[in-house]
Protein backbone atom coordinates (compact mmCIF):
# COMPACT_ATOMS: atom_id res chain seq x y z
CA MET A 1 83.65 97.62 120.77
CA LYS A 2 85.90 95.65 118.42
CA ILE A 3 85.63 94.49 114.82
CA THR A 4 85.38 90.70 114.75
CA ALA A 5 84.66 89.67 111.14
CA LEU A 6 84.30 90.72 107.50
CA GLU A 7 82.00 88.79 105.17
CA LEU A 8 81.58 89.40 101.44
CA PHE A 9 78.62 88.58 99.18
CA LYS A 10 78.87 88.67 95.41
CA VAL A 11 75.24 89.14 94.36
CA PRO A 12 73.44 89.63 91.03
CA PRO A 13 73.36 91.60 88.88
CA ARG A 14 76.98 92.81 89.37
CA TRP A 15 77.42 93.91 92.98
CA LEU A 16 79.62 93.06 95.96
CA PHE A 17 78.31 93.64 99.49
CA LEU A 18 80.35 93.70 102.70
CA LYS A 19 79.09 92.88 106.19
CA LEU A 20 81.31 94.11 109.02
CA SER A 21 80.56 92.55 112.43
CA THR A 22 81.49 93.61 115.96
CA ASP A 23 81.68 91.95 119.38
CA GLU A 24 78.69 94.00 120.57
CA GLY A 25 76.38 92.64 117.87
CA LEU A 26 76.29 95.80 115.74
CA VAL A 27 76.93 95.23 112.05
CA GLY A 28 77.64 97.62 109.23
CA TRP A 29 77.15 97.22 105.49
CA GLY A 30 79.21 98.52 102.60
CA GLU A 31 79.35 98.10 98.84
CA PRO A 32 82.95 97.73 97.68
CA VAL A 33 83.01 96.90 93.99
CA VAL A 34 84.54 97.84 90.68
CA GLU A 35 82.05 96.89 87.99
CA GLY A 36 83.59 94.01 86.04
CA HIS A 37 86.27 93.37 88.68
CA ALA A 38 84.25 92.09 91.64
CA HIS A 39 86.59 89.12 92.19
CA THR A 40 89.60 91.41 92.31
CA VAL A 41 88.04 93.79 94.82
CA GLU A 42 86.88 90.83 96.89
CA ALA A 43 90.52 89.76 97.19
CA ALA A 44 91.58 93.31 98.05
CA VAL A 45 89.03 93.48 100.89
CA GLY A 46 90.36 90.16 102.14
CA GLU A 47 93.84 91.66 102.35
CA ILE A 48 92.45 94.53 104.44
CA ALA A 49 91.03 92.18 107.09
CA GLU A 50 94.30 91.87 109.04
CA TYR A 51 94.31 95.65 109.56
CA LEU A 52 90.74 95.62 110.90
CA ILE A 53 90.15 92.65 113.16
CA GLY A 54 90.34 93.83 116.77
CA ARG A 55 90.15 97.54 115.88
CA ASP A 56 87.58 99.91 117.38
CA PRO A 57 85.18 100.66 114.50
CA GLU A 58 84.68 104.20 115.77
CA GLU A 59 88.23 105.16 114.78
CA ILE A 60 87.15 105.76 111.21
CA GLU A 61 89.66 108.43 110.20
CA ASP A 62 92.63 106.57 111.66
CA ILE A 63 91.52 103.32 110.01
CA TRP A 64 91.21 105.16 106.67
CA GLN A 65 94.67 106.69 107.02
CA THR A 66 96.13 103.33 108.03
CA LEU A 67 94.66 101.54 105.03
CA TYR A 68 95.84 104.30 102.70
CA ARG A 69 99.24 105.31 104.08
CA ALA A 70 100.54 102.19 105.86
CA ARG A 71 100.73 100.25 102.61
CA PHE A 72 103.47 101.31 100.18
CA TYR A 73 101.30 100.96 97.05
CA ARG A 74 98.14 102.97 97.28
CA GLY A 75 95.28 104.48 95.29
CA GLY A 76 93.57 103.32 92.14
CA PRO A 77 90.16 101.78 91.59
CA VAL A 78 90.73 98.42 93.27
CA LEU A 79 92.43 99.48 96.50
CA LEU A 80 90.26 102.54 97.05
CA SER A 81 87.05 100.63 96.24
CA ALA A 82 88.01 98.01 98.82
CA MET A 83 88.66 100.79 101.33
CA ALA A 84 85.38 102.45 100.34
CA GLY A 85 83.26 99.47 101.33
CA VAL A 86 85.00 99.18 104.67
CA ASP A 87 84.62 102.92 105.32
CA GLN A 88 80.89 102.79 104.48
CA ALA A 89 80.37 99.90 106.89
CA LEU A 90 82.25 101.70 109.66
CA TRP A 91 80.03 104.76 109.31
CA ASP A 92 76.96 102.50 109.28
CA ILE A 93 78.06 100.97 112.60
CA LYS A 94 78.76 104.38 114.12
CA GLY A 95 75.34 105.72 113.14
CA LYS A 96 73.63 102.66 114.59
CA ARG A 97 75.63 102.92 117.81
CA TYR A 98 74.49 106.50 118.37
CA ASN A 99 71.01 105.88 116.94
CA THR A 100 71.32 108.57 114.29
CA PRO A 101 71.71 108.78 110.52
CA ILE A 102 75.25 109.26 109.26
CA TYR A 103 74.57 112.77 108.00
CA GLN A 104 74.00 113.92 111.58
CA LEU A 105 77.48 112.71 112.49
CA LEU A 106 78.87 114.73 109.57
CA GLY A 107 77.41 118.02 110.76
CA GLY A 108 73.74 117.66 109.94
CA ALA A 109 71.63 118.04 106.82
CA VAL A 110 71.36 121.02 104.50
CA ARG A 111 68.44 119.41 102.63
CA ASP A 112 65.81 116.75 103.28
CA LYS A 113 65.54 115.51 99.68
CA ILE A 114 67.52 115.57 96.45
CA LYS A 115 66.61 115.43 92.77
CA VAL A 116 67.27 112.10 91.05
CA TYR A 117 67.56 111.21 87.40
CA SER A 118 66.68 108.04 85.55
CA TRP A 119 68.69 106.28 82.88
CA ILE A 120 67.27 105.87 79.38
CA GLY A 121 69.05 104.19 76.50
CA GLY A 122 71.68 101.57 77.13
CA ASP A 123 74.97 100.83 75.45
CA ARG A 124 73.31 101.00 72.05
CA PRO A 125 70.70 103.69 72.61
CA SER A 126 67.45 103.61 70.62
CA GLU A 127 63.83 104.59 71.23
CA VAL A 128 65.03 107.06 73.84
CA ALA A 129 62.24 109.56 73.24
CA ALA A 130 59.57 107.06 74.28
CA ALA A 131 61.65 106.00 77.28
CA ALA A 132 62.09 109.62 78.39
CA LYS A 133 58.37 110.26 78.09
CA GLU A 134 57.72 107.15 80.19
CA ARG A 135 60.11 108.36 82.93
CA GLN A 136 58.46 111.76 82.86
CA ALA A 137 55.08 110.10 83.41
CA LEU A 138 56.58 108.34 86.47
CA GLY A 139 57.45 111.71 87.98
CA PHE A 140 61.12 112.04 87.07
CA THR A 141 62.22 115.50 86.00
CA ALA A 142 65.58 114.50 84.49
CA VAL A 143 67.09 111.62 82.52
CA LYS A 144 70.52 110.58 81.29
CA MET A 145 71.34 108.80 78.05
CA ASN A 146 74.48 107.48 76.42
CA ALA A 147 75.76 109.61 73.57
CA THR A 148 77.24 107.18 71.10
CA GLU A 149 78.18 103.64 70.33
CA GLU A 150 81.70 102.97 69.05
CA MET A 151 83.41 106.15 67.89
CA GLY A 152 86.88 106.46 66.39
CA TYR A 153 89.31 109.35 66.69
CA ILE A 154 87.68 110.98 63.66
CA GLU A 155 84.20 110.07 62.39
CA ASN A 156 81.98 111.18 59.54
CA TYR A 157 79.06 113.47 60.23
CA ALA A 158 76.52 110.61 60.17
CA SER A 159 77.59 109.64 63.70
CA VAL A 160 77.15 113.22 64.89
CA TYR A 161 73.75 113.50 63.25
CA ALA A 162 72.60 110.22 64.83
CA LEU A 163 73.25 111.67 68.30
CA THR A 164 71.70 115.07 67.68
CA LYS A 165 68.64 113.41 66.15
CA ARG A 166 68.15 111.26 69.28
CA VAL A 167 68.63 114.19 71.65
CA ALA A 168 66.27 116.35 69.58
CA ALA A 169 63.63 113.63 69.78
CA VAL A 170 63.98 113.45 73.58
CA ARG A 171 63.77 117.22 73.93
CA GLU A 172 60.65 117.34 71.77
CA ALA A 173 59.05 114.52 73.78
CA VAL A 174 59.62 115.97 77.25
CA GLY A 175 59.61 119.74 76.68
CA ILE A 176 62.04 122.42 77.74
CA ASP A 177 61.41 122.20 81.50
CA PHE A 178 63.07 118.79 81.82
CA GLY A 179 66.69 117.83 82.41
CA ILE A 180 68.58 115.85 79.77
CA ALA A 181 72.13 114.73 80.44
CA VAL A 182 74.25 113.05 77.78
CA ASP A 183 77.01 110.63 78.83
CA PHE A 184 79.93 110.40 76.39
CA HIS A 185 81.20 107.54 78.62
CA GLY A 186 84.80 108.27 77.63
CA ARG A 187 84.03 106.63 74.27
CA VAL A 188 84.77 109.81 72.37
CA HIS A 189 88.20 111.22 71.58
CA LYS A 190 89.05 114.92 71.84
CA SER A 191 88.48 115.88 68.21
CA MET A 192 84.98 114.43 68.06
CA ALA A 193 84.12 115.52 71.61
CA LYS A 194 84.58 119.14 70.50
CA VAL A 195 82.26 118.59 67.54
CA LEU A 196 79.58 116.81 69.58
CA ALA A 197 79.66 119.36 72.40
CA HIS A 198 79.17 122.16 69.90
CA GLU A 199 76.38 120.40 68.00
CA LEU A 200 74.46 119.64 71.20
CA GLU A 201 74.23 123.31 72.17
CA PRO A 202 70.69 123.89 70.81
CA TYR A 203 69.16 121.23 73.09
CA HIS A 204 69.89 122.99 76.42
CA LEU A 205 71.35 119.98 78.19
CA LEU A 206 71.71 119.57 81.93
CA PHE A 207 75.31 118.45 81.38
CA ILE A 208 77.57 116.34 79.20
CA GLU A 209 79.42 113.63 81.09
CA GLU A 210 82.95 112.30 80.67
CA PRO A 211 83.44 113.84 77.21
CA VAL A 212 86.92 112.29 77.22
CA LEU A 213 88.60 109.70 79.38
CA PRO A 214 89.97 111.08 82.65
CA ASP A 215 93.43 110.17 81.32
CA ASN A 216 92.88 113.05 78.89
CA ASN A 217 91.40 115.63 81.25
CA GLU A 218 93.77 118.25 79.84
CA SER A 219 91.52 118.17 76.75
CA LEU A 220 88.63 119.62 78.75
CA ARG A 221 90.09 123.09 78.18
CA GLU A 222 89.52 122.79 74.44
CA ILE A 223 86.14 121.12 74.78
CA ALA A 224 84.91 123.79 77.19
CA ALA A 225 85.85 126.42 74.62
CA HIS A 226 83.38 124.86 72.15
CA THR A 227 80.32 124.76 74.39
CA SER A 228 78.43 126.45 77.19
CA ILE A 229 76.93 123.12 78.33
CA PRO A 230 78.14 122.20 81.87
CA ILE A 231 80.84 119.53 81.77
CA ALA A 232 80.80 116.66 84.28
CA THR A 233 83.44 114.04 85.00
CA GLY A 234 84.98 112.05 87.84
CA GLU A 235 83.46 108.58 88.08
CA ARG A 236 86.88 107.11 87.19
CA MET A 237 88.83 109.30 89.58
CA TYR A 238 89.50 107.92 93.03
CA SER A 239 91.04 110.40 95.47
CA ARG A 240 91.29 114.08 96.34
CA TRP A 241 94.83 114.03 94.91
CA GLN A 242 93.38 113.31 91.46
CA PHE A 243 90.54 115.78 91.81
CA LYS A 244 92.75 118.65 92.99
CA THR A 245 94.39 118.99 89.56
CA LEU A 246 91.05 118.79 87.76
CA LEU A 247 89.55 121.47 89.99
CA HIS A 248 92.59 123.73 89.82
CA GLU A 249 92.54 123.74 86.02
CA GLY A 250 88.98 125.04 86.15
CA HIS A 251 87.36 123.42 83.10
CA VAL A 252 84.83 121.20 84.86
CA ASP A 253 81.45 122.29 86.24
CA ILE A 254 80.29 119.10 87.97
CA ILE A 255 82.35 116.37 89.62
CA GLN A 256 81.03 112.82 89.93
CA PRO A 257 83.06 110.83 92.45
CA ASP A 258 81.62 107.43 93.33
CA PRO A 259 81.62 106.74 97.10
CA SER A 260 82.04 103.03 96.35
CA HIS A 261 85.23 103.74 94.39
CA ALA A 262 86.61 107.00 95.78
CA GLY A 263 87.54 105.86 99.28
CA GLY A 264 84.05 105.79 100.80
CA ILE A 265 82.20 108.43 102.80
CA THR A 266 85.36 109.81 104.44
CA GLU A 267 87.19 110.61 101.19
CA THR A 268 84.19 111.58 99.06
CA ARG A 269 83.13 114.23 101.55
CA LYS A 270 86.63 115.74 101.41
CA ILE A 271 86.52 115.74 97.60
CA ALA A 272 83.14 117.50 97.64
CA SER A 273 84.45 120.12 100.05
CA MET A 274 87.36 120.82 97.71
CA ALA A 275 84.91 121.24 94.85
CA GLU A 276 82.80 123.69 96.83
CA ALA A 277 85.85 125.91 97.23
CA TYR A 278 86.11 126.03 93.42
CA ASP A 279 82.35 126.72 92.98
CA VAL A 280 81.90 123.29 91.37
CA SER A 281 78.82 121.15 92.02
CA VAL A 282 78.57 117.43 92.79
CA ALA A 283 76.46 114.69 91.20
CA LEU A 284 77.61 111.47 92.86
CA HIS A 285 78.07 108.51 90.53
CA CYS A 286 75.89 105.53 91.49
CA PRO A 287 74.81 102.94 88.89
CA LEU A 288 75.16 100.37 91.69
CA GLY A 289 73.11 98.71 94.43
CA PRO A 290 71.02 99.84 97.40
CA ILE A 291 73.88 100.17 99.88
CA ALA A 292 75.80 102.42 97.50
CA LEU A 293 72.71 104.58 96.93
CA ALA A 294 72.10 104.88 100.68
CA VAL A 295 75.71 106.01 101.09
CA CYS A 296 75.24 108.66 98.39
CA LEU A 297 72.08 110.00 100.00
CA GLN A 298 73.75 110.31 103.41
CA LEU A 299 76.47 112.37 101.73
CA ASP A 300 74.00 114.39 99.63
CA ALA A 301 72.20 115.40 102.81
CA GLY A 302 75.14 117.42 104.07
CA MET A 303 76.90 118.58 100.88
CA HIS A 304 75.73 122.06 99.92
CA ASN A 305 77.03 121.67 96.34
CA ALA A 306 75.21 118.37 95.63
CA PHE A 307 72.49 119.01 93.06
CA ILE A 308 71.32 115.69 91.58
CA GLN A 309 71.74 111.98 92.30
CA GLU A 310 72.21 109.07 89.93
CA GLN A 311 70.35 105.87 90.82
CA SER A 312 70.03 102.49 89.15
CA LEU A 313 66.32 101.63 89.27
CA GLY A 314 65.52 100.34 85.79
CA ILE A 315 69.06 100.84 84.50
CA HIS A 316 70.14 98.64 81.61
CA TYR A 317 72.83 96.92 83.70
CA ASN A 318 70.32 95.44 86.16
CA GLN A 319 69.52 92.18 84.45
CA GLY A 320 67.75 89.70 86.72
CA ASN A 321 67.88 91.67 89.97
CA GLU A 322 66.83 95.19 90.84
CA LEU A 323 67.87 97.94 93.23
CA LEU A 324 65.19 97.25 95.84
CA GLU A 325 65.36 93.47 96.09
CA TYR A 326 67.96 93.36 98.87
CA LEU A 327 66.12 95.68 101.25
CA ASP A 328 63.64 94.89 104.02
CA ASP A 329 61.74 98.08 103.23
CA PRO A 330 62.03 99.10 99.56
CA THR A 331 59.85 102.18 100.15
CA VAL A 332 62.89 103.90 101.71
CA PHE A 333 63.83 104.94 98.15
CA ASN A 334 60.38 106.09 97.05
CA TYR A 335 60.73 108.74 94.35
CA LYS A 336 58.23 111.58 94.31
CA ASP A 337 58.06 114.50 91.88
CA GLY A 338 61.60 113.77 90.71
CA TYR A 339 63.10 113.72 94.23
CA VAL A 340 64.05 111.12 96.83
CA SER A 341 63.97 111.81 100.56
CA ILE A 342 67.14 111.36 102.60
CA PRO A 343 66.77 108.17 104.72
CA ALA A 344 66.57 109.21 108.37
CA ALA A 345 66.94 105.85 110.15
CA PRO A 346 70.19 105.17 112.04
CA GLY A 347 73.38 104.54 110.08
CA LEU A 348 72.88 104.32 106.35
CA GLY A 349 69.14 104.60 106.88
CA ILE A 350 68.32 101.23 105.32
CA THR A 351 67.86 97.69 106.59
CA VAL A 352 69.56 95.10 104.39
CA ASN A 353 67.60 91.89 103.90
CA GLU A 354 70.42 89.52 104.80
CA ALA A 355 68.45 86.42 103.80
CA ALA A 356 67.97 87.86 100.31
CA VAL A 357 71.66 88.77 100.15
CA ARG A 358 72.69 85.24 101.08
CA ARG A 359 70.35 83.80 98.46
CA GLY A 360 71.84 86.15 95.89
CA ALA A 361 75.35 85.16 96.87
CA VAL A 362 74.57 81.52 96.08
CA LEU A 363 73.85 82.62 92.50
CA GLY A 364 76.78 85.04 92.37
CA HIS A 365 77.76 86.73 89.13
CA ASN A 366 80.65 87.12 86.71
CA TRP A 367 79.69 90.42 85.09
CA HIS A 368 82.06 92.03 82.60
CA ASN A 369 81.49 94.86 80.20
CA PRO A 370 81.43 93.96 76.50
CA VAL A 371 84.49 94.21 74.27
CA TRP A 372 83.84 96.59 71.40
CA ARG A 373 85.76 96.99 68.15
CA ASN A 374 85.72 99.65 65.48
CA LYS A 375 84.90 98.81 61.89
CA ASP A 376 88.60 98.41 61.12
CA GLY A 377 88.98 95.82 63.90
CA SER A 378 90.76 98.05 66.43
CA ILE A 379 89.57 98.07 70.03
CA ALA A 380 86.95 100.73 70.78
CA GLU A 381 86.32 102.39 74.12
CA TRP A 382 83.26 101.02 75.92
């Protein structure tokens, strides 16, 4: 069996899908994208094509090593996201060839379902208590919300109080037996992250996410000293070589690699195995589309340290198109009692509705995150 073609589809709301075809008629799907840089990743996948055409798609590890090591410049969000989509599609083909879900090829499942959480509150969070109560009524047992809007290096206490007031309202609405995660989104600098982490202690959070940018991971030591809340980070880290330093320093409790950014299934599984050796859990990052979620669930099935899964149904980014619209059978992601079952069909366990994908690609998208500024006019972290 040989790879014969790569085809890319830029579809709303902000996704990029890859179809990998073979001479035996088997096709695999992947989701290589960096949110806000879909055009750039599309070009990067195009550059990969010459390394793939004519290759046996079963040689997944060798293809990964070729794409990573045979090119002098390597790593980073664009190149590893391009590789991720290819890697996902290769595993999809392999599962279909052997008529088994990918997790069986990775050693089998340690679970048949995993807890999921739902997003509440967008970039400018408000009315989060009502949204959390609504998600609870739908059966979710955990939610995640953004912490703040723009926040400078040092802020007055009004900004801190605004966050604690929102979190207190959510906790009161849903009760103590419900998970609340708060995403700092890298918008907060070290000095204020310490304050916020300390002030959030009374609300018994599931975790705080990306309290500082990964560029400043050395600050996690200080932040961890100010709170007992589990600290999560990793969505903007792309290889085991980045994660090894984070894990060795020992100030993170949960890592969040994204299998559409961190080199695909092959690399993400290695990152998770490293984390297990450090007694660190995994909550895969996935505010993306259905292919990316299917990838995450195949990984979750076999990773003992996976404990919860992000998913994008109803997320504030999905304007115009939703998670399930590109699938033949949207019930594959049915959520029940706060969990989703691991898809057990061959490959990724989903069937992509190619006609819907092609219609979406006609519309395309040009999604970019907003540009924020502080009150003094300086650029703020989004």
